[in-house]
Amino acid sequence: MSERVTVVAAGGLKAQSSAQREGKAAKTLAIVMGVFYLCWLPFFTATAVDPFINFSTPGDVFDALVWFGYFNSTCNPLIYGFFYPRFQKAFKILIYNHLCGFSDSNTLILEGM
């Protein structure tokens, strides 16, 4: 990888070092993994502890914990949407098209890809 990358922005040039890009990627990955653990840890803890308490955890609690784990799948696109400019721009275009009723396929072309 090159030490410096030049990204063409909407009005000029912006230089970004690979260390900065790697730092951003590491931060995003840490957040994604943290949310994953937060969402799934209650389910796995209850599953591991339940045999020791004679399987007295109600089924509804297990169902709720599984759905809380599934909620992680909803969080991932939102996390990426908040931390990556390309995703932010795509979300803005999709929301604008949905709210305003436009269906121009040319609006989904993103610069810098």
PDB file of N, CA and C in Angstrom:
ATOM      1  N   MET A   1       0.845  -1.184   0.000  1.00  0.00           N
ATOM      2  CA  MET A   1       0.000   0.000   0.000  1.00  0.00           C
ATOM      3  C   MET A   1       0.881   1.234   0.000  1.00  0.00           C
ATOM      4  N   SER A   2       0.396   2.261  -0.634  1.00  0.00           N
ATOM      5  CA  SER A   2       1.176   3.496  -0.675  1.00  0.00           C
ATOM      6  C   SER A   2       1.078   4.229   0.654  1.00  0.00           C
ATOM      7  N   GLU A   3       2.084   5.045   0.910  1.00  0.00           N
ATOM      8  CA  GLU A   3       2.113   5.805   2.163  1.00  0.00           C
ATOM      9  C   GLU A   3       1.088   6.926   2.150  1.00  0.00           C
ATOM     10  N   ARG A   4       0.859   7.538   1.010  1.00  0.00           N
ATOM     11  CA  ARG A   4      -0.110   8.625   0.913  1.00  0.00           C
ATOM     12  C   ARG A   4      -1.062   8.342  -0.235  1.00  0.00           C
ATOM     13  N   VAL A   5      -2.317   8.637  -0.025  1.00  0.00           N
ATOM     14  CA  VAL A   5      -3.340   8.440  -1.037  1.00  0.00           C
ATOM     15  C   VAL A   5      -4.037   9.774  -1.235  1.00  0.00           C
ATOM     16  N   THR A   6      -4.257  10.129  -2.482  1.00  0.00           N
ATOM     17  CA  THR A   6      -4.953  11.369  -2.780  1.00  0.00           C
ATOM     18  C   THR A   6      -6.378  11.035  -3.174  1.00  0.00           C
ATOM     19  N   VAL A   7      -7.324  11.615  -2.465  1.00  0.00           N
ATOM     20  CA  VAL A   7      -8.739  11.373  -2.715  1.00  0.00           C
ATOM     21  C   VAL A   7      -9.321  12.634  -3.324  1.00  0.00           C
ATOM     22  N   VAL A   8     -10.005  12.480  -4.438  1.00  0.00           N
ATOM     23  CA  VAL A   8     -10.622  13.631  -5.084  1.00  0.00           C
ATOM     24  C   VAL A   8     -11.944  13.899  -4.384  1.00  0.00           C
ATOM     25  N   ALA A   9     -12.033  15.042  -3.748  1.00  0.00           N
ATOM     26  CA  ALA A   9     -13.258  15.425  -3.045  1.00  0.00           C
ATOM     27  C   ALA A   9     -14.080  16.343  -3.944  1.00  0.00           C
ATOM     28  N   ALA A  10     -15.198  16.805  -3.439  1.00  0.00           N
ATOM     29  CA  ALA A  10     -16.123  17.600  -4.235  1.00  0.00           C
ATOM     30  C   ALA A  10     -15.648  19.027  -4.453  1.00  0.00           C
ATOM     31  N   GLY A  11     -14.483  19.381  -4.267  1.00  0.00           N
ATOM     32  CA  GLY A  11     -14.036  20.735  -4.510  1.00  0.00           C
ATOM     33  C   GLY A  11     -12.535  20.836  -4.509  1.00  0.00           C
ATOM     34  N   GLY A  12     -11.851  19.799  -4.203  1.00  0.00           N
ATOM     35  CA  GLY A  12     -10.406  19.881  -4.162  1.00  0.00           C
ATOM     36  C   GLY A  12      -9.798  18.533  -3.864  1.00  0.00           C
ATOM     37  N   LEU A  13      -8.550  18.573  -3.439  1.00  0.00           N
ATOM     38  CA  LEU A  13      -7.829  17.350  -3.127  1.00  0.00           C
ATOM     39  C   LEU A  13      -7.625  17.250  -1.629  1.00  0.00           C
ATOM     40  N   LYS A  14      -7.641  16.034  -1.126  1.00  0.00           N
ATOM     41  CA  LYS A  14      -7.425  15.813   0.290  1.00  0.00           C
ATOM     42  C   LYS A  14      -6.485  14.622   0.421  1.00  0.00           C
ATOM     43  N   ALA A  15      -5.410  14.808   1.138  1.00  0.00           N
ATOM     44  CA  ALA A  15      -4.451  13.726   1.325  1.00  0.00           C
ATOM     45  C   ALA A  15      -4.742  13.028   2.647  1.00  0.00           C
ATOM     46  N   GLN A  16      -4.663  11.718   2.608  1.00  0.00           N
ATOM     47  CA  GLN A  16      -4.949  10.938   3.801  1.00  0.00           C
ATOM     48  C   GLN A  16      -3.918   9.818   3.873  1.00  0.00           C
ATOM     49  N   SER A  17      -3.193   9.751   4.973  1.00  0.00           N
ATOM     50  CA  SER A  17      -2.168   8.724   5.095  1.00  0.00           C
ATOM     51  C   SER A  17      -2.794   7.374   5.361  1.00  0.00           C
ATOM     52  N   SER A  18      -2.040   6.329   5.052  1.00  0.00           N
ATOM     53  CA  SER A  18      -2.576   4.987   5.272  1.00  0.00           C
ATOM     54  C   SER A  18      -2.741   4.712   6.762  1.00  0.00           C
ATOM     55  N   ALA A  19      -1.921   5.330   7.607  1.00  0.00           N
ATOM     56  CA  ALA A  19      -2.066   5.152   9.057  1.00  0.00           C
ATOM     57  C   ALA A  19      -3.407   5.710   9.531  1.00  0.00           C
ATOM     58  N   GLN A  20      -3.831   6.834   8.972  1.00  0.00           N
ATOM     59  CA  GLN A  20      -5.122   7.402   9.340  1.00  0.00           C
ATOM     60  C   GLN A  20      -6.265   6.493   8.893  1.00  0.00           C
ATOM     61  N   ARG A  21      -6.143   5.966   7.674  1.00  0.00           N
ATOM     62  CA  ARG A  21      -7.184   5.070   7.161  1.00  0.00           C
ATOM     63  C   ARG A  21      -7.251   3.796   7.996  1.00  0.00           C
ATOM     64  N   GLU A  22      -6.090   3.251   8.346  1.00  0.00           N
ATOM     65  CA  GLU A  22      -6.069   2.042   9.160  1.00  0.00           C
ATOM     66  C   GLU A  22      -6.618   2.310  10.561  1.00  0.00           C
ATOM     67  N   GLY A  23      -6.358   3.497  11.092  1.00  0.00           N
ATOM     68  CA  GLY A  23      -6.902   3.864  12.402  1.00  0.00           C
ATOM     69  C   GLY A  23      -8.418   3.945  12.372  1.00  0.00           C
ATOM     70  N   LYS A  24      -8.956   4.546  11.307  1.00  0.00           N
ATOM     71  CA  LYS A  24     -10.407   4.622  11.168  1.00  0.00           C
ATOM     72  C   LYS A  24     -11.017   3.227  11.027  1.00  0.00           C
ATOM     73  N   ALA A  25     -10.368   2.386  10.233  1.00  0.00           N
ATOM     74  CA  ALA A  25     -10.875   1.028  10.042  1.00  0.00           C
ATOM     75  C   ALA A  25     -10.825   0.244  11.351  1.00  0.00           C
ATOM     76  N   ALA A  26      -9.760   0.402  12.111  1.00  0.00           N
ATOM     77  CA  ALA A  26      -9.646  -0.299  13.395  1.00  0.00           C
ATOM     78  C   ALA A  26     -10.723   0.181  14.367  1.00  0.00           C
ATOM     79  N   LYS A  27     -10.989   1.472  14.377  1.00  0.00           N
ATOM     80  CA  LYS A  27     -12.021   2.023  15.263  1.00  0.00           C
ATOM     81  C   LYS A  27     -13.395   1.470  14.887  1.00  0.00           C
ATOM     82  N   THR A  28     -13.692   1.444  13.602  1.00  0.00           N
ATOM     83  CA  THR A  28     -14.980   0.925  13.157  1.00  0.00           C
ATOM     84  C   THR A  28     -15.108  -0.559  13.478  1.00  0.00           C
ATOM     85  N   LEU A  29     -14.039  -1.317  13.247  1.00  0.00           N
ATOM     86  CA  LEU A  29     -14.073  -2.743  13.560  1.00  0.00           C
ATOM     87  C   LEU A  29     -14.265  -2.985  15.053  1.00  0.00           C
ATOM     88  N   ALA A  30     -13.619  -2.166  15.880  1.00  0.00           N
ATOM     89  CA  ALA A  30     -13.781  -2.297  17.329  1.00  0.00           C
ATOM     90  C   ALA A  30     -15.227  -2.025  17.741  1.00  0.00           C
ATOM     91  N   ILE A  31     -15.846  -1.050  17.131  1.00  0.00           N
ATOM     92  CA  ILE A  31     -17.242  -0.736  17.451  1.00  0.00           C
ATOM     93  C   ILE A  31     -18.162  -1.860  16.989  1.00  0.00           C
ATOM     94  N   VAL A  32     -17.922  -2.382  15.778  1.00  0.00           N
ATOM     95  CA  VAL A  32     -18.743  -3.482  15.262  1.00  0.00           C
ATOM     96  C   VAL A  32     -18.620  -4.701  16.175  1.00  0.00           C
ATOM     97  N   MET A  33     -17.400  -5.041  16.580  1.00  0.00           N
ATOM     98  CA  MET A  33     -17.192  -6.192  17.458  1.00  0.00           C
ATOM     99  C   MET A  33     -17.794  -5.946  18.849  1.00  0.00           C
ATOM    100  N   GLY A  34     -17.670  -4.730  19.355  1.00  0.00           N
ATOM    101  CA  GLY A  34     -18.253  -4.402  20.650  1.00  0.00           C
ATOM    102  C   GLY A  34     -19.764  -4.547  20.653  1.00  0.00           C
ATOM    103  N   VAL A  35     -20.410  -4.077  19.595  1.00  0.00           N
ATOM    104  CA  VAL A  35     -21.865  -4.202  19.484  1.00  0.00           C
ATOM    105  C   VAL A  35     -22.252  -5.675  19.338  1.00  0.00           C
ATOM    106  N   PHE A  36     -21.449  -6.439  18.598  1.00  0.00           N
ATOM    107  CA  PHE A  36     -21.705  -7.872  18.463  1.00  0.00           C
ATOM    108  C   PHE A  36     -21.691  -8.550  19.837  1.00  0.00           C
ATOM    109  N   TYR A  37     -20.650  -8.288  20.608  1.00  0.00           N
ATOM    110  CA  TYR A  37     -20.569  -8.887  21.945  1.00  0.00           C
ATOM    111  C   TYR A  37     -21.700  -8.410  22.843  1.00  0.00           C
ATOM    112  N   LEU A  38     -22.023  -7.147  22.776  1.00  0.00           N
ATOM    113  CA  LEU A  38     -23.111  -6.604  23.591  1.00  0.00           C
ATOM    114  C   LEU A  38     -24.442  -7.277  23.261  1.00  0.00           C
ATOM    115  N   CYS A  39     -24.671  -7.533  21.985  1.00  0.00           N
ATOM    116  CA  CYS A  39     -25.946  -8.125  21.576  1.00  0.00           C
ATOM    117  C   CYS A  39     -26.027  -9.629  21.855  1.00  0.00           C
ATOM    118  N   TRP A  40     -24.933 -10.359  21.669  1.00  0.00           N
ATOM    119  CA  TRP A  40     -24.982 -11.810  21.791  1.00  0.00           C
ATOM    120  C   TRP A  40     -24.542 -12.344  23.146  1.00  0.00           C
ATOM    121  N   LEU A  41     -23.797 -11.581  23.937  1.00  0.00           N
ATOM    122  CA  LEU A  41     -23.302 -12.070  25.218  1.00  0.00           C
ATOM    123  C   LEU A  41     -24.416 -12.482  26.185  1.00  0.00           C
ATOM    124  N   PRO A  42     -25.519 -11.735  26.292  1.00  0.00           N
ATOM    125  CA  PRO A  42     -26.588 -12.187  27.202  1.00  0.00           C
ATOM    126  C   PRO A  42     -27.143 -13.564  26.833  1.00  0.00           C
ATOM    127  N   PHE A  43     -27.327 -13.817  25.543  1.00  0.00           N
ATOM    128  CA  PHE A  43     -27.844 -15.115  25.115  1.00  0.00           C
ATOM    129  C   PHE A  43     -26.873 -16.237  25.466  1.00  0.00           C
ATOM    130  N   PHE A  44     -25.603 -16.050  25.129  1.00  0.00           N
ATOM    131  CA  PHE A  44     -24.631 -17.107  25.399  1.00  0.00           C
ATOM    132  C   PHE A  44     -24.391 -17.299  26.896  1.00  0.00           C
ATOM    133  N   THR A  45     -24.480 -16.244  27.661  1.00  0.00           N
ATOM    134  CA  THR A  45     -24.353 -16.375  29.110  1.00  0.00           C
ATOM    135  C   THR A  45     -25.533 -17.169  29.675  1.00  0.00           C
ATOM    136  N   ALA A  46     -26.731 -16.834  29.242  1.00  0.00           N
ATOM    137  CA  ALA A  46     -27.915 -17.559  29.722  1.00  0.00           C
ATOM    138  C   ALA A  46     -27.863 -19.020  29.293  1.00  0.00           C
ATOM    139  N   THR A  47     -27.388 -19.281  28.089  1.00  0.00           N
ATOM    140  CA  THR A  47     -27.287 -20.651  27.604  1.00  0.00           C
ATOM    141  C   THR A  47     -26.278 -21.456  28.420  1.00  0.00           C
ATOM    142  N   ALA A  48     -25.184 -20.822  28.806  1.00  0.00           N
ATOM    143  CA  ALA A  48     -24.151 -21.525  29.587  1.00  0.00           C
ATOM    144  C   ALA A  48     -24.563 -21.717  31.043  1.00  0.00           C
ATOM    145  N   VAL A  49     -25.316 -20.782  31.592  1.00  0.00           N
ATOM    146  CA  VAL A  49     -25.681 -20.833  33.012  1.00  0.00           C
ATOM    147  C   VAL A  49     -26.927 -21.687  33.239  1.00  0.00           C
ATOM    148  N   ASP A  50     -27.804 -21.756  32.275  1.00  0.00           N
ATOM    149  CA  ASP A  50     -29.089 -22.437  32.437  1.00  0.00           C
ATOM    150  C   ASP A  50     -28.979 -23.882  32.935  1.00  0.00           C
ATOM    151  N   PRO A  51     -28.052 -24.695  32.449  1.00  0.00           N
ATOM    152  CA  PRO A  51     -27.959 -26.071  32.992  1.00  0.00           C
ATOM    153  C   PRO A  51     -27.615 -26.111  34.484  1.00  0.00           C
ATOM    154  N   PHE A  52     -26.907 -25.119  34.964  1.00  0.00           N
ATOM    155  CA  PHE A  52     -26.516 -25.094  36.378  1.00  0.00           C
ATOM    156  C   PHE A  52     -27.648 -24.647  37.303  1.00  0.00           C
ATOM    157  N   ILE A  53     -28.689 -24.058  36.747  1.00  0.00           N
ATOM    158  CA  ILE A  53     -29.844 -23.647  37.559  1.00  0.00           C
ATOM    159  C   ILE A  53     -31.067 -24.496  37.201  1.00  0.00           C
ATOM    160  N   ASN A  54     -30.792 -25.727  36.798  1.00  0.00           N
ATOM    161  CA  ASN A  54     -31.831 -26.728  36.492  1.00  0.00           C
ATOM    162  C   ASN A  54     -32.808 -26.283  35.402  1.00  0.00           C
ATOM    163  N   PHE A  55     -32.300 -25.596  34.406  1.00  0.00           N
ATOM    164  CA  PHE A  55     -33.088 -25.180  33.239  1.00  0.00           C
ATOM    165  C   PHE A  55     -34.353 -24.438  33.654  1.00  0.00           C
ATOM    166  N   SER A  56     -34.183 -23.496  34.576  1.00  0.00           N
ATOM    167  CA  SER A  56     -35.349 -22.761  35.083  1.00  0.00           C
ATOM    168  C   SER A  56     -35.589 -21.435  34.359  1.00  0.00           C
ATOM    169  N   THR A  57     -34.802 -21.123  33.338  1.00  0.00           N
ATOM    170  CA  THR A  57     -35.006 -19.882  32.586  1.00  0.00           C
ATOM    171  C   THR A  57     -36.215 -20.057  31.663  1.00  0.00           C
ATOM    172  N   PRO A  58     -37.179 -19.154  31.743  1.00  0.00           N
ATOM    173  CA  PRO A  58     -38.369 -19.269  30.890  1.00  0.00           C
ATOM    174  C   PRO A  58     -38.022 -19.179  29.401  1.00  0.00           C
ATOM    175  N   GLY A  59     -38.829 -19.840  28.596  1.00  0.00           N
ATOM    176  CA  GLY A  59     -38.621 -19.831  27.148  1.00  0.00           C
ATOM    177  C   GLY A  59     -38.748 -18.449  26.547  1.00  0.00           C
ATOM    178  N   ASP A  60     -39.629 -17.628  27.097  1.00  0.00           N
ATOM    179  CA  ASP A  60     -39.792 -16.265  26.578  1.00  0.00           C
ATOM    180  C   ASP A  60     -38.524 -15.443  26.765  1.00  0.00           C
ATOM    181  N   VAL A  61     -37.802 -15.693  27.851  1.00  0.00           N
ATOM    182  CA  VAL A  61     -36.548 -14.974  28.082  1.00  0.00           C
ATOM    183  C   VAL A  61     -35.525 -15.374  27.027  1.00  0.00           C
ATOM    184  N   PHE A  62     -35.450 -16.673  26.737  1.00  0.00           N
ATOM    185  CA  PHE A  62     -34.528 -17.122  25.692  1.00  0.00           C
ATOM    186  C   PHE A  62     -34.900 -16.523  24.339  1.00  0.00           C
ATOM    187  N   ASP A  63     -36.180 -16.494  24.039  1.00  0.00           N
ATOM    188  CA  ASP A  63     -36.619 -15.899  22.776  1.00  0.00           C
ATOM    189  C   ASP A  63     -36.226 -14.429  22.693  1.00  0.00           C
ATOM    190  N   ALA A  64     -36.420 -13.701  23.780  1.00  0.00           N
ATOM    191  CA  ALA A  64     -36.048 -12.282  23.803  1.00  0.00           C
ATOM    192  C   ALA A  64     -34.540 -12.106  23.626  1.00  0.00           C
ATOM    193  N   LEU A  65     -33.754 -12.974  24.254  1.00  0.00           N
ATOM    194  CA  LEU A  65     -32.297 -12.873  24.123  1.00  0.00           C
ATOM    195  C   LEU A  65     -31.833 -13.201  22.711  1.00  0.00           C
ATOM    196  N   VAL A  66     -32.485 -14.163  22.073  1.00  0.00           N
ATOM    197  CA  VAL A  66     -32.142 -14.481  20.679  1.00  0.00           C
ATOM    198  C   VAL A  66     -32.465 -13.302  19.781  1.00  0.00           C
ATOM    199  N   TRP A  67     -33.622 -12.694  19.987  1.00  0.00           N
ATOM    200  CA  TRP A  67     -33.986 -11.540  19.161  1.00  0.00           C
ATOM    201  C   TRP A  67     -33.073 -10.349  19.430  1.00  0.00           C
ATOM    202  N   PHE A  68     -32.592 -10.224  20.651  1.00  0.00           N
ATOM    203  CA  PHE A  68     -31.615  -9.169  20.945  1.00  0.00           C
ATOM    204  C   PHE A  68     -30.319  -9.441  20.181  1.00  0.00           C
ATOM    205  N   GLY A  69     -29.950 -10.700  20.063  1.00  0.00           N
ATOM    206  CA  GLY A  69     -28.791 -11.059  19.247  1.00  0.00           C
ATOM    207  C   GLY A  69     -29.029 -10.757  17.780  1.00  0.00           C
ATOM    208  N   TYR A  70     -30.235 -11.051  17.298  1.00  0.00           N
ATOM    209  CA  TYR A  70     -30.565 -10.738  15.902  1.00  0.00           C
ATOM    210  C   TYR A  70     -30.538  -9.231  15.642  1.00  0.00           C
ATOM    211  N   PHE A  71     -30.796  -8.466  16.678  1.00  0.00           N
ATOM    212  CA  PHE A  71     -30.770  -7.004  16.557  1.00  0.00           C
ATOM    213  C   PHE A  71     -29.395  -6.519  16.094  1.00  0.00           C
ATOM    214  N   ASN A  72     -28.358  -7.306  16.336  1.00  0.00           N
ATOM    215  CA  ASN A  72     -27.015  -6.964  15.881  1.00  0.00           C
ATOM    216  C   ASN A  72     -26.979  -6.780  14.365  1.00  0.00           C
ATOM    217  N   SER A  73     -27.764  -7.566  13.640  1.00  0.00           N
ATOM    218  CA  SER A  73     -27.801  -7.441  12.185  1.00  0.00           C
ATOM    219  C   SER A  73     -28.382  -6.103  11.741  1.00  0.00           C
ATOM    220  N   THR A  74     -29.209  -5.524  12.567  1.00  0.00           N
ATOM    221  CA  THR A  74     -29.745  -4.197  12.275  1.00  0.00           C
ATOM    222  C   THR A  74     -28.721  -3.112  12.573  1.00  0.00           C
ATOM    223  N   CYS A  75     -27.903  -3.353  13.581  1.00  0.00           N
ATOM    224  CA  CYS A  75     -26.925  -2.343  14.000  1.00  0.00           C
ATOM    225  C   CYS A  75     -25.771  -2.184  13.023  1.00  0.00           C
ATOM    226  N   ASN A  76     -25.343  -3.264  12.384  1.00  0.00           N
ATOM    227  CA  ASN A  76     -24.166  -3.192  11.522  1.00  0.00           C
ATOM    228  C   ASN A  76     -24.282  -2.170  10.390  1.00  0.00           C
ATOM    229  N   PRO A  77     -25.358  -2.162   9.604  1.00  0.00           N
ATOM    230  CA  PRO A  77     -25.450  -1.143   8.559  1.00  0.00           C
ATOM    231  C   PRO A  77     -25.476   0.278   9.123  1.00  0.00           C
ATOM    232  N   LEU A  78     -26.080   0.438  10.290  1.00  0.00           N
ATOM    233  CA  LEU A  78     -26.117   1.769  10.898  1.00  0.00           C
ATOM    234  C   LEU A  78     -24.723   2.216  11.328  1.00  0.00           C
ATOM    235  N   ILE A  79     -23.951   1.292  11.880  1.00  0.00           N
ATOM    236  CA  ILE A  79     -22.585   1.621  12.294  1.00  0.00           C
ATOM    237  C   ILE A  79     -21.765   2.040  11.082  1.00  0.00           C
ATOM    238  N   TYR A  80     -21.823   1.253  10.023  1.00  0.00           N
ATOM    239  CA  TYR A  80     -21.074   1.601   8.820  1.00  0.00           C
ATOM    240  C   TYR A  80     -21.577   2.917   8.242  1.00  0.00           C
ATOM    241  N   GLY A  81     -22.872   3.137   8.325  1.00  0.00           N
ATOM    242  CA  GLY A  81     -23.438   4.382   7.817  1.00  0.00           C
ATOM    243  C   GLY A  81     -22.950   5.610   8.550  1.00  0.00           C
ATOM    244  N   PHE A  82     -22.676   5.476   9.840  1.00  0.00           N
ATOM    245  CA  PHE A  82     -22.196   6.620  10.608  1.00  0.00           C
ATOM    246  C   PHE A  82     -20.703   6.866  10.433  1.00  0.00           C
ATOM    247  N   PHE A  83     -19.941   5.854  10.066  1.00  0.00           N
ATOM    248  CA  PHE A  83     -18.490   5.995  10.059  1.00  0.00           C
ATOM    249  C   PHE A  83     -17.839   6.060   8.692  1.00  0.00           C
ATOM    250  N   TYR A  84     -18.536   5.737   7.614  1.00  0.00           N
ATOM    251  CA  TYR A  84     -17.943   5.786   6.288  1.00  0.00           C
ATOM    252  C   TYR A  84     -18.672   6.804   5.430  1.00  0.00           C
ATOM    253  N   PRO A  85     -17.947   7.774   4.870  1.00  0.00           N
ATOM    254  CA  PRO A  85     -18.590   8.799   4.043  1.00  0.00           C
ATOM    255  C   PRO A  85     -19.332   8.228   2.835  1.00  0.00           C
ATOM    256  N   ARG A  86     -18.817   7.162   2.231  1.00  0.00           N
ATOM    257  CA  ARG A  86     -19.507   6.571   1.085  1.00  0.00           C
ATOM    258  C   ARG A  86     -20.876   6.037   1.487  1.00  0.00           C
ATOM    259  N   PHE A  87     -20.933   5.373   2.632  1.00  0.00           N
ATOM    260  CA  PHE A  87     -22.208   4.874   3.115  1.00  0.00           C
ATOM    261  C   PHE A  87     -23.133   6.026   3.487  1.00  0.00           C
ATOM    262  N   GLN A  88     -22.589   7.083   4.083  1.00  0.00           N
ATOM    263  CA  GLN A  88     -23.399   8.245   4.439  1.00  0.00           C
ATOM    264  C   GLN A  88     -24.047   8.837   3.197  1.00  0.00           C
ATOM    265  N   LYS A  89     -23.254   8.981   2.136  1.00  0.00           N
ATOM    266  CA  LYS A  89     -23.784   9.560   0.913  1.00  0.00           C
ATOM    267  C   LYS A  89     -24.845   8.647   0.300  1.00  0.00           C
ATOM    268  N   ALA A  90     -24.601   7.341   0.296  1.00  0.00           N
ATOM    269  CA  ALA A  90     -25.580   6.401  -0.252  1.00  0.00           C
ATOM    270  C   ALA A  90     -26.873   6.438   0.549  1.00  0.00           C
ATOM    271  N   PHE A  91     -26.770   6.487   1.893  1.00  0.00           N
ATOM    272  CA  PHE A  91     -27.971   6.574   2.725  1.00  0.00           C
ATOM    273  C   PHE A  91     -28.743   7.856   2.439  1.00  0.00           C
ATOM    274  N   LYS A  92     -28.022   8.964   2.295  1.00  0.00           N
ATOM    275  CA  LYS A  92     -28.691  10.232   2.006  1.00  0.00           C
ATOM    276  C   LYS A  92     -29.431  10.163   0.674  1.00  0.00           C
ATOM    277  N   ILE A  93     -28.787   9.575  -0.333  1.00  0.00           N
ATOM    278  CA  ILE A  93     -29.433   9.455  -1.646  1.00  0.00           C
ATOM    279  C   ILE A  93     -30.662   8.562  -1.553  1.00  0.00           C
ATOM    280  N   LEU A  94     -30.526   7.414  -0.877  1.00  0.00           N
ATOM    281  CA  LEU A  94     -31.660   6.496  -0.769  1.00  0.00           C
ATOM    282  C   LEU A  94     -32.819   7.118   0.002  1.00  0.00           C
ATOM    283  N   ILE A  95     -32.516   7.793   1.094  1.00  0.00           N
ATOM    284  CA  ILE A  95     -33.566   8.430   1.885  1.00  0.00           C
ATOM    285  C   ILE A  95     -34.223   9.557   1.094  1.00  0.00           C
ATOM    286  N   TYR A  96     -33.409  10.361   0.413  1.00  0.00           N
ATOM    287  CA  TYR A  96     -33.944  11.456  -0.393  1.00  0.00           C
ATOM    288  C   TYR A  96     -34.857  10.907  -1.482  1.00  0.00           C
ATOM    289  N   ASN A  97     -34.409   9.862  -2.168  1.00  0.00           N
ATOM    290  CA  ASN A  97     -35.227   9.268  -3.225  1.00  0.00           C
ATOM    291  C   ASN A  97     -36.510   8.674  -2.664  1.00  0.00           C
ATOM    292  N   HIS A  98     -36.423   8.050  -1.494  1.00  0.00           N
ATOM    293  CA  HIS A  98     -37.611   7.438  -0.890  1.00  0.00           C
ATOM    294  C   HIS A  98     -38.609   8.503  -0.436  1.00  0.00           C
ATOM    295  N   LEU A  99     -38.121   9.559   0.199  1.00  0.00           N
ATOM    296  CA  LEU A  99     -39.020  10.593   0.727  1.00  0.00           C
ATOM    297  C   LEU A  99     -39.606  11.466  -0.378  1.00  0.00           C
ATOM    298  N   CYS A 100     -38.797  11.751  -1.384  1.00  0.00           N
ATOM    299  CA  CYS A 100     -39.254  12.656  -2.442  1.00  0.00           C
ATOM    300  C   CYS A 100     -39.869  11.915  -3.617  1.00  0.00           C
ATOM    301  N   GLY A 101     -39.741  10.597  -3.648  1.00  0.00           N
ATOM    302  CA  GLY A 101     -40.370   9.822  -4.704  1.00  0.00           C
ATOM    303  C   GLY A 101     -39.621   9.830  -6.015  1.00  0.00           C
ATOM    304  N   PHE A 102     -38.352  10.219  -6.013  1.00  0.00           N
ATOM    305  CA  PHE A 102     -37.580  10.208  -7.248  1.00  0.00           C
ATOM    306  C   PHE A 102     -37.050   8.808  -7.498  1.00  0.00           C
ATOM    307  N   SER A 103     -36.940   8.443  -8.755  1.00  0.00           N
ATOM    308  CA  SER A 103     -36.409   7.127  -9.086  1.00  0.00           C
ATOM    309  C   SER A 103     -35.385   7.236 -10.215  1.00  0.00           C
ATOM    310  N   ASP A 104     -34.578   8.262 -10.207  1.00  0.00           N
ATOM    311  CA  ASP A 104     -33.552   8.456 -11.224  1.00  0.00           C
ATOM    312  C   ASP A 104     -32.366   7.564 -10.898  1.00  0.00           C
ATOM    313  N   SER A 105     -32.066   6.599 -11.754  1.00  0.00           N
ATOM    314  CA  SER A 105     -30.982   5.658 -11.477  1.00  0.00           C
ATOM    315  C   SER A 105     -29.615   6.327 -11.517  1.00  0.00           C
ATOM    316  N   ASN A 106     -29.491   7.481 -12.155  1.00  0.00           N
ATOM    317  CA  ASN A 106     -28.198   8.169 -12.220  1.00  0.00           C
ATOM    318  C   ASN A 106     -27.792   8.780 -10.890  1.00  0.00           C
ATOM    319  N   THR A 107     -28.706   8.946  -9.955  1.00  0.00           N
ATOM    320  CA  THR A 107     -28.366   9.557  -8.683  1.00  0.00           C
ATOM    321  C   THR A 107     -27.601   8.611  -7.781  1.00  0.00           C
ATOM    322  N   LEU A 108     -27.585   7.325  -8.086  1.00  0.00           N
ATOM    323  CA  LEU A 108     -26.882   6.366  -7.247  1.00  0.00           C
ATOM    324  C   LEU A 108     -25.412   6.198  -7.630  1.00  0.00           C
ATOM    325  N   ILE A 109     -24.940   6.954  -8.602  1.00  0.00           N
ATOM    326  CA  ILE A 109     -23.534   6.908  -8.966  1.00  0.00           C
ATOM    327  C   ILE A 109     -22.764   7.733  -7.952  1.00  0.00           C
ATOM    328  N   LEU A 110     -21.811   7.092  -7.266  1.00  0.00           N
ATOM    329  CA  LEU A 110     -21.055   7.760  -6.222  1.00  0.00           C
ATOM    330  C   LEU A 110     -19.657   8.066  -6.713  1.00  0.00           C
ATOM    331  N   GLU A 111     -19.216   9.274  -6.463  1.00  0.00           N
ATOM    332  CA  GLU A 111     -17.865   9.649  -6.840  1.00  0.00           C
ATOM    333  C   GLU A 111     -16.869   9.017  -5.865  1.00  0.00           C
ATOM    334  N   GLY A 112     -15.663   8.767  -6.342  1.00  0.00           N
ATOM    335  CA  GLY A 112     -14.590   8.282  -5.490  1.00  0.00           C
ATOM    336  C   GLY A 112     -14.585   6.788  -5.300  1.00  0.00           C
ATOM    337  N   MET A 113     -15.347   6.056  -6.060  1.00  0.00           N
ATOM    338  CA  MET A 113     -15.348   4.599  -5.889  1.00  0.00           C
ATOM    339  C   MET A 113     -14.369   3.958  -6.799  1.00  0.00           C
TER     340      MET A 113
END
